[in-house]
C-alpha atoms as a PDB file:
ATOM      1  CA  MET A   1     -13.901 -22.724  13.874  1.00  0.00           C
ATOM      2  CA  SER A   2     -14.842 -21.606  10.379  1.00  0.00           C
ATOM      3  CA  ALA A   3     -14.791 -17.890   9.626  1.00  0.00           C
ATOM      4  CA  GLU A   4     -17.674 -18.390   7.215  1.00  0.00           C
ATOM      5  CA  PRO A   5     -21.039 -17.172   8.511  1.00  0.00           C
ATOM      6  CA  ARG A   6     -23.876 -19.651   8.820  1.00  0.00           C
ATOM      7  CA  ILE A   7     -26.400 -19.429   6.014  1.00  0.00           C
ATOM      8  CA  ASN A   8     -29.871 -20.850   5.308  1.00  0.00           C
ATOM      9  CA  ASP A   9     -30.416 -24.326   6.824  1.00  0.00           C
ATOM     10  CA  ARG A  10     -27.157 -24.116   8.801  1.00  0.00           C
ATOM     11  CA  ILE A  11     -28.711 -21.490  11.080  1.00  0.00           C
ATOM     12  CA  ARG A  12     -29.989 -23.298  14.189  1.00  0.00           C
ATOM     13  CA  VAL A  13     -31.963 -20.821  16.312  1.00  0.00           C
ATOM     14  CA  PRO A  14     -35.721 -20.489  16.896  1.00  0.00           C
ATOM     15  CA  GLU A  15     -35.890 -16.830  15.825  1.00  0.00           C
ATOM     16  CA  VAL A  16     -33.737 -14.116  14.259  1.00  0.00           C
ATOM     17  CA  ARG A  17     -33.628 -10.352  13.966  1.00  0.00           C
ATOM     18  CA  LEU A  18     -34.123  -9.989  10.209  1.00  0.00           C
ATOM     19  CA  VAL A  19     -32.678  -7.316   7.936  1.00  0.00           C
ATOM     20  CA  GLY A  20     -34.134  -7.030   4.449  1.00  0.00           C
ATOM     21  CA  PRO A  21     -32.168  -7.010   1.169  1.00  0.00           C
ATOM     22  CA  SER A  22     -32.024  -3.207   1.095  1.00  0.00           C
ATOM     23  CA  GLY A  23     -30.931  -2.912   4.721  1.00  0.00           C
ATOM     24  CA  GLU A  24     -34.406  -2.308   6.083  1.00  0.00           C
ATOM     25  CA  GLN A  25     -35.221  -3.647   9.559  1.00  0.00           C
ATOM     26  CA  VAL A  26     -37.906  -6.357   9.342  1.00  0.00           C
ATOM     27  CA  GLY A  27     -37.789  -7.181  13.042  1.00  0.00           C
ATOM     28  CA  ILE A  28     -37.679 -10.394  15.085  1.00  0.00           C
ATOM     29  CA  VAL A  29     -39.238 -13.274  13.176  1.00  0.00           C
ATOM     30  CA  PRO A  30     -39.254 -17.084  13.519  1.00  0.00           C
ATOM     31  CA  LEU A  31     -36.430 -18.796  11.625  1.00  0.00           C
ATOM     32  CA  ALA A  32     -38.952 -20.617   9.425  1.00  0.00           C
ATOM     33  CA  LYS A  33     -40.479 -17.295   8.372  1.00  0.00           C
ATOM     34  CA  ALA A  34     -37.046 -15.835   7.585  1.00  0.00           C
ATOM     35  CA  LEU A  35     -36.167 -18.859   5.422  1.00  0.00           C
ATOM     36  CA  GLU A  36     -39.502 -18.560   3.660  1.00  0.00           C
ATOM     37  CA  LEU A  37     -38.817 -14.891   2.840  1.00  0.00           C
ATOM     38  CA  ALA A  38     -35.370 -15.834   1.548  1.00  0.00           C
ATOM     39  CA  GLN A  39     -36.961 -18.282  -0.882  1.00  0.00           C
ATOM     40  CA  GLU A  40     -39.499 -15.684  -1.997  1.00  0.00           C
ATOM     41  CA  TYR A  41     -36.750 -13.160  -2.774  1.00  0.00           C
ATOM     42  CA  ASP A  42     -34.522 -15.894  -4.259  1.00  0.00           C
ATOM     43  CA  LEU A  43     -31.808 -14.865  -1.797  1.00  0.00           C
ATOM     44  CA  ASP A  44     -29.824 -16.417   1.042  1.00  0.00           C
ATOM     45  CA  LEU A  45     -30.442 -15.957   4.744  1.00  0.00           C
ATOM     46  CA  VAL A  46     -27.033 -15.006   6.162  1.00  0.00           C
ATOM     47  CA  GLU A  47     -26.179 -14.734   9.858  1.00  0.00           C
ATOM     48  CA  VAL A  48     -24.269 -11.447  10.157  1.00  0.00           C
ATOM     49  CA  ALA A  49     -24.176 -11.077  13.962  1.00  0.00           C
ATOM     50  CA  ALA A  50     -24.090 -14.513  15.578  1.00  0.00           C
ATOM     51  CA  THR A  51     -23.487 -13.259  19.132  1.00  0.00           C
ATOM     52  CA  ALA A  52     -26.510 -10.950  19.210  1.00  0.00           C
ATOM     53  CA  ARG A  53     -29.631 -12.120  21.011  1.00  0.00           C
ATOM     54  CA  PRO A  54     -31.423 -13.088  18.873  1.00  0.00           C
ATOM     55  CA  PRO A  55     -28.799 -13.408  16.087  1.00  0.00           C
ATOM     56  CA  VAL A  56     -29.037 -10.850  13.286  1.00  0.00           C
ATOM     57  CA  CYS A  57     -29.598 -12.287   9.823  1.00  0.00           C
ATOM     58  CA  LYS A  58     -29.777 -10.544   6.467  1.00  0.00           C
ATOM     59  CA  LEU A  59     -31.325 -11.461   3.153  1.00  0.00           C
ATOM     60  CA  MET A  60     -28.651 -11.262   0.444  1.00  0.00           C
ATOM     61  CA  ASP A  61     -27.053 -12.962  -2.540  1.00  0.00           C
ATOM     62  CA  TYR A  62     -24.300 -14.666  -0.578  1.00  0.00           C
ATOM     63  CA  GLY A  63     -22.278 -15.705  -3.632  1.00  0.00           C
ATOM     64  CA  LYS A  64     -22.184 -12.122  -4.901  1.00  0.00           C
ATOM     65  CA  PHE A  65     -21.368 -10.858  -1.394  1.00  0.00           C
ATOM     66  CA  LYS A  66     -18.393 -13.232  -1.103  1.00  0.00           C
ATOM     67  CA  TYR A  67     -17.072 -12.239  -4.522  1.00  0.00           C
ATOM     68  CA  GLU A  68     -17.317  -8.503  -3.800  1.00  0.00           C
ATOM     69  CA  SER A  69     -15.684  -8.969  -0.386  1.00  0.00           C
ATOM     70  CA  ALA A  70     -12.804 -10.887  -1.962  1.00  0.00           C
ATOM     71  CA  MET A  71     -12.300  -8.166  -4.584  1.00  0.00           C
ATOM     72  CA  LYS A  72     -12.280  -5.434  -1.920  1.00  0.00           C
ATOM     73  CA  ALA A  73      -9.734  -7.366   0.152  1.00  0.00           C
ATOM     74  CA  ARG A  74      -7.566  -7.884  -2.927  1.00  0.00           C
ATOM     75  CA  GLU A  75      -7.681  -4.167  -3.754  1.00  0.00           C
ATOM     76  CA  ALA A  76      -6.832  -3.262  -0.161  1.00  0.00           C
ATOM     77  CA  ARG A  77      -3.814  -5.596  -0.212  1.00  0.00           C
ATOM     78  CA  LYS A  78      -2.661  -4.096  -3.513  1.00  0.00           C
ATOM     79  CA  ASN A  79      -2.794  -0.564  -2.097  1.00  0.00           C
ATOM     80  CA  GLN A  80      -1.382  -1.510   1.283  1.00  0.00           C
ATOM     81  CA  ALA A  81       1.852   0.268   2.097  1.00  0.00           C
ATOM     82  CA  HIS A  82       4.520  -1.980   3.548  1.00  0.00           C
ATOM     83  CA  THR A  83       7.267  -0.182   5.420  1.00  0.00           C
ATOM     84  CA  VAL A  84      10.546  -1.262   3.884  1.00  0.00           C
ATOM     85  CA  ILE A  85      13.988  -0.564   5.346  1.00  0.00           C
ATOM     86  CA  LYS A  86      16.657  -0.339   2.680  1.00  0.00           C
ATOM     87  CA  GLU A  87      20.326  -0.508   3.602  1.00  0.00           C
ATOM     88  CA  MET A  88      23.255   1.443   2.205  1.00  0.00           C
ATOM     89  CA  LYS A  89      26.841   0.702   3.247  1.00  0.00           C
ATOM     90  CA  LEU A  90      29.649   3.263   3.043  1.00  0.00           C
ATOM     91  CA  ARG A  91      33.322   3.432   3.987  1.00  0.00           C
ATOM     92  CA  PRO A  92      34.497   6.396   6.079  1.00  0.00           C
ATOM     93  CA  LYS A  93      37.046   7.403   3.384  1.00  0.00           C
ATOM     94  CA  ILE A  94      34.692   6.989   0.435  1.00  0.00           C
ATOM     95  CA  ASP A  95      35.731   8.824  -2.750  1.00  0.00           C
ATOM     96  CA  PRO A  96      33.466  11.603  -4.153  1.00  0.00           C
ATOM     97  CA  HIS A  97      32.179   9.592  -7.129  1.00  0.00           C
ATOM     98  CA  ASP A  98      31.157   6.613  -4.974  1.00  0.00           C
ATOM     99  CA  TYR A  99      29.571   8.979  -2.462  1.00  0.00           C
ATOM    100  CA  ASP A 100      27.430  10.598  -5.177  1.00  0.00           C
ATOM    101  CA  THR A 101      26.363   7.145  -6.427  1.00  0.00           C
ATOM    102  CA  LYS A 102      25.409   5.960  -2.937  1.00  0.00           C
ATOM    103  CA  LYS A 103      23.613   9.232  -2.220  1.00  0.00           C
ATOM    104  CA  GLY A 104      21.628   8.774  -5.448  1.00  0.00           C
ATOM    105  CA  HIS A 105      20.390   5.402  -4.197  1.00  0.00           C
ATOM    106  CA  VAL A 106      19.405   6.930  -0.837  1.00  0.00           C
ATOM    107  CA  VAL A 107      17.502   9.701  -2.653  1.00  0.00           C
ATOM    108  CA  ARG A 108      15.627   7.118  -4.737  1.00  0.00           C
ATOM    109  CA  PHE A 109      14.696   5.061  -1.667  1.00  0.00           C
ATOM    110  CA  LEU A 110      13.414   8.103   0.223  1.00  0.00           C
ATOM    111  CA  LYS A 111      11.383   9.231  -2.800  1.00  0.00           C
ATOM    112  CA  GLN A 112       9.756   5.786  -2.810  1.00  0.00           C
ATOM    113  CA  GLY A 113       8.732   6.329   0.821  1.00  0.00           C
ATOM    114  CA  ASP A 114      11.184   3.775   2.251  1.00  0.00           C
ATOM    115  CA  LYS A 115      13.399   4.117   5.302  1.00  0.00           C
ATOM    116  CA  VAL A 116      17.138   3.824   4.760  1.00  0.00           C
ATOM    117  CA  LYS A 117      19.632   2.305   7.184  1.00  0.00           C
ATOM    118  CA  ILE A 118      23.048   3.847   6.571  1.00  0.00           C
ATOM    119  CA  THR A 119      25.990   1.749   7.762  1.00  0.00           C
ATOM    120  CA  ILE A 120      29.542   3.086   7.944  1.00  0.00           C
ATOM    121  CA  MET A 121      31.992   0.173   7.975  1.00  0.00           C
ATOM    122  CA  PHE A 122      35.305   0.747   9.774  1.00  0.00           C
ATOM    123  CA  ARG A 123      38.348  -1.407   9.102  1.00  0.00           C
ATOM    124  CA  GLY A 124      41.700  -1.609  10.869  1.00  0.00           C
ATOM    125  CA  ARG A 125      42.919   1.742  12.128  1.00  0.00           C
ATOM    126  CA  GLU A 126      39.736   3.429  10.942  1.00  0.00           C
ATOM    127  CA  GLN A 127      38.070   2.139  14.120  1.00  0.00           C
ATOM    128  CA  SER A 128      40.069   4.696  16.116  1.00  0.00           C
ATOM    129  CA  ARG A 129      38.552   7.533  14.042  1.00  0.00           C
ATOM    130  CA  PRO A 130      34.761   7.294  14.625  1.00  0.00           C
ATOM    131  CA  GLU A 131      34.452  11.038  13.972  1.00  0.00           C
ATOM    132  CA  LEU A 132      35.078  10.331  10.271  1.00  0.00           C
ATOM    133  CA  GLY A 133      31.964   8.182  10.104  1.00  0.00           C
ATOM    134  CA  PHE A 134      29.950  10.637  12.169  1.00  0.00           C
ATOM    135  CA  ARG A 135      30.843  13.554   9.866  1.00  0.00           C
ATOM    136  CA  LEU A 136      30.008  11.469   6.783  1.00  0.00           C
ATOM    137  CA  LEU A 137      26.578  10.572   8.174  1.00  0.00           C
ATOM    138  CA  GLN A 138      25.914  14.197   9.064  1.00  0.00           C
ATOM    139  CA  ARG A 139      26.881  15.248   5.537  1.00  0.00           C
ATOM    140  CA  LEU A 140      24.561  12.678   3.979  1.00  0.00           C
ATOM    141  CA  ALA A 141      21.672  13.664   6.248  1.00  0.00           C
ATOM    142  CA  GLU A 142      22.120  17.320   5.220  1.00  0.00           C
ATOM    143  CA  ASP A 143      22.341  16.426   1.517  1.00  0.00           C
ATOM    144  CA  VAL A 144      18.961  14.615   1.579  1.00  0.00           C
ATOM    145  CA  GLN A 145      17.156  16.727   4.189  1.00  0.00           C
ATOM    146  CA  ASP A 146      14.533  17.801   1.632  1.00  0.00           C
ATOM    147  CA  LEU A 147      13.468  14.154   1.240  1.00  0.00           C
ATOM    148  CA  GLY A 148      14.161  12.587   4.631  1.00  0.00           C
ATOM    149  CA  PHE A 149      15.018  13.152   8.267  1.00  0.00           C
ATOM    150  CA  VAL A 150      17.245  11.440  10.827  1.00  0.00           C
ATOM    151  CA  GLU A 151      14.959   8.941  12.520  1.00  0.00           C
ATOM    152  CA  SER A 152      17.738   7.232  14.482  1.00  0.00           C
ATOM    153  CA  ASN A 153      20.872   9.215  15.326  1.00  0.00           C
ATOM    154  CA  PRO A 154      24.317   7.766  14.495  1.00  0.00           C
ATOM    155  CA  LYS A 155      25.466   5.165  16.979  1.00  0.00           C
ATOM    156  CA  GLN A 156      28.403   2.793  17.172  1.00  0.00           C
ATOM    157  CA  ASP A 157      27.646  -0.909  16.714  1.00  0.00           C
ATOM    158  CA  GLY A 158      30.858  -2.908  16.931  1.00  0.00           C
ATOM    159  CA  ARG A 159      32.937  -2.065  13.865  1.00  0.00           C
ATOM    160  CA  ASN A 160      30.057  -0.186  12.275  1.00  0.00           C
ATOM    161  CA  MET A 161      28.281   3.111  12.817  1.00  0.00           C
ATOM    162  CA  ILE A 162      24.568   3.150  11.978  1.00  0.00           C
ATOM    163  CA  MET A 163      22.029   5.858  11.254  1.00  0.00           C
ATOM    164  CA  VAL A 164      18.423   5.490  10.033  1.00  0.00           C
ATOM    165  CA  LEU A 165      16.800   8.022   7.709  1.00  0.00           C
ATOM    166  CA  GLY A 166      13.022   8.253   7.459  1.00  0.00           C
ATOM    167  CA  PRO A 167      11.151   9.667   4.434  1.00  0.00           C
ATOM    168  CA  HIS A 168       9.095  12.848   4.703  1.00  0.00           C
ATOM    169  CA  LYS A 169       6.537  11.245   2.379  1.00  0.00           C
ATOM    170  CA  LYS A 170       4.382   8.367   3.492  1.00  0.00           C
ATOM    171  CA  LYS A 171       4.667   5.186   1.478  1.00  0.00           C
ATOM    172  CA  THR A 172       1.064   5.516   0.272  1.00  0.00           C
ATOM    173  CA  GLU A 173       1.746   9.058  -1.009  1.00  0.00           C
ATOM    174  CA  ALA A 174       4.878   7.909  -2.844  1.00  0.00           C
ATOM    175  CA  MET A 175       2.969   5.016  -4.436  1.00  0.00           C
ATOM    176  CA  ALA A 176       0.149   7.332  -5.545  1.00  0.00           C
ATOM    177  CA  GLU A 177       2.616   9.805  -7.070  1.00  0.00           C
ATOM    178  CA  ALA A 178       4.430   6.994  -8.885  1.00  0.00           C
ATOM    179  CA  ARG A 179       1.129   5.776 -10.370  1.00  0.00           C
ATOM    180  CA  GLU A 180       0.221   9.322 -11.465  1.00  0.00           C
ATOM    181  CA  ALA A 181       3.653   9.816 -13.058  1.00  0.00           C
ATOM    182  CA  GLN A 182       3.323   6.520 -14.915  1.00  0.00           C
ATOM    183  CA  ALA A 183      -0.135   7.486 -16.190  1.00  0.00           C
ATOM    184  CA  ALA A 184       1.200  10.876 -17.301  1.00  0.00           C
ATOM    185  CA  ARG A 185       4.054   9.212 -19.200  1.00  0.00           C
ATOM    186  CA  LYS A 186       1.565   6.934 -20.961  1.00  0.00           C
ATOM    187  CA  ARG A 187      -0.618   9.902 -21.895  1.00  0.00           C
ATOM    188  CA  GLY A 188       2.430  11.782 -23.202  1.00  0.00           C
ATOM    189  CA  ALA A 189       3.524   8.808 -25.298  1.00  0.00           C
ATOM    190  CA  ALA A 190       0.013   8.469 -26.748  1.00  0.00           C
ATOM    191  CA  ASP A 191      -0.075  12.191 -27.601  1.00  0.00           C
ATOM    192  CA  ASP A 192       3.342  11.991 -29.285  1.00  0.00           C
ATOM    193  CA  GLU A 193       2.222   9.010 -31.325  1.00  0.00           C
ATOM    194  CA  ALA A 194      -0.950  10.782 -32.407  1.00  0.00           C
ATOM    195  CA  GLY A 195       0.997  13.923 -33.318  1.00  0.00           C
ATOM    196  CA  SER A 196       3.446  11.970 -35.463  1.00  0.00           C
ATOM    197  CA  VAL A 197       0.706  10.907 -37.897  1.00  0.00           C
ATOM    198  CA  GLU A 198       0.991  13.350 -40.768  1.00  0.00           C
ATOM    199  CA  GLU A 199      -2.115  14.567 -42.482  1.00  0.00           C
ATOM    200  CA  PRO A 200      -2.100  14.225 -46.294  1.00  0.00           C
ATOM    201  CA  ALA A 201      -1.198  17.425 -48.084  1.00  0.00           C
ATOM    202  CA  GLU A 202      -3.996  19.152 -49.928  1.00  0.00           C
ATOM    203  CA  GLU A 203      -3.768  18.983 -53.708  1.00  0.00           C
ATOM    204  CA  PRO A 204      -3.629  22.373 -55.431  1.00  0.00           C
ATOM    205  CA  ALA A 205      -6.909  23.414 -56.986  1.00  0.00           C
ATOM    206  CA  GLU A 206      -7.115  23.364 -60.764  1.00  0.00           C
ATOM    207  CA  ALA A 207      -7.255  26.729 -62.481  1.00  0.00           C
END
């Protein structure tokens, strides 16, 4: 079945409950009368509630309505926040520099409003020391507690230990802040450019 509403001559009922172009209730009128009014207003008769008895129809510019609906849907999709789970893998005996680098990535992901799956990978004899991985995950969770929280506690999964961190900020909030920061940077760059234009020096007045 088509998702498109029936319009004009495609409407096949003896009478309709008519709504005017400004949303005013006209009442129940014969279909022929409704079509006649549509022609007078140079508008379309659009069935907006097909299951009502009688069906509800509205006088509108259907082409304009479709365009505006498409633009609203496009804007909604653009602003829609998709939950993303990033993954960061660590070794239980990671050196300090690598740890700081990995932590920096986790911080960035949480600031963006994304969840982060932390995986500790054990190899060989390391598998007999799960407490090393547990302590490392606890340390990381404490280091980023201002930005995220432990959504899924550490648990062993074969040779790996996994923990999931969730962001304190919602994705939509992070996106809005990122847009504001970008706009502020653009404004700052424009101000700097304007300030760099030197005004011509005044010539000394003749005596």
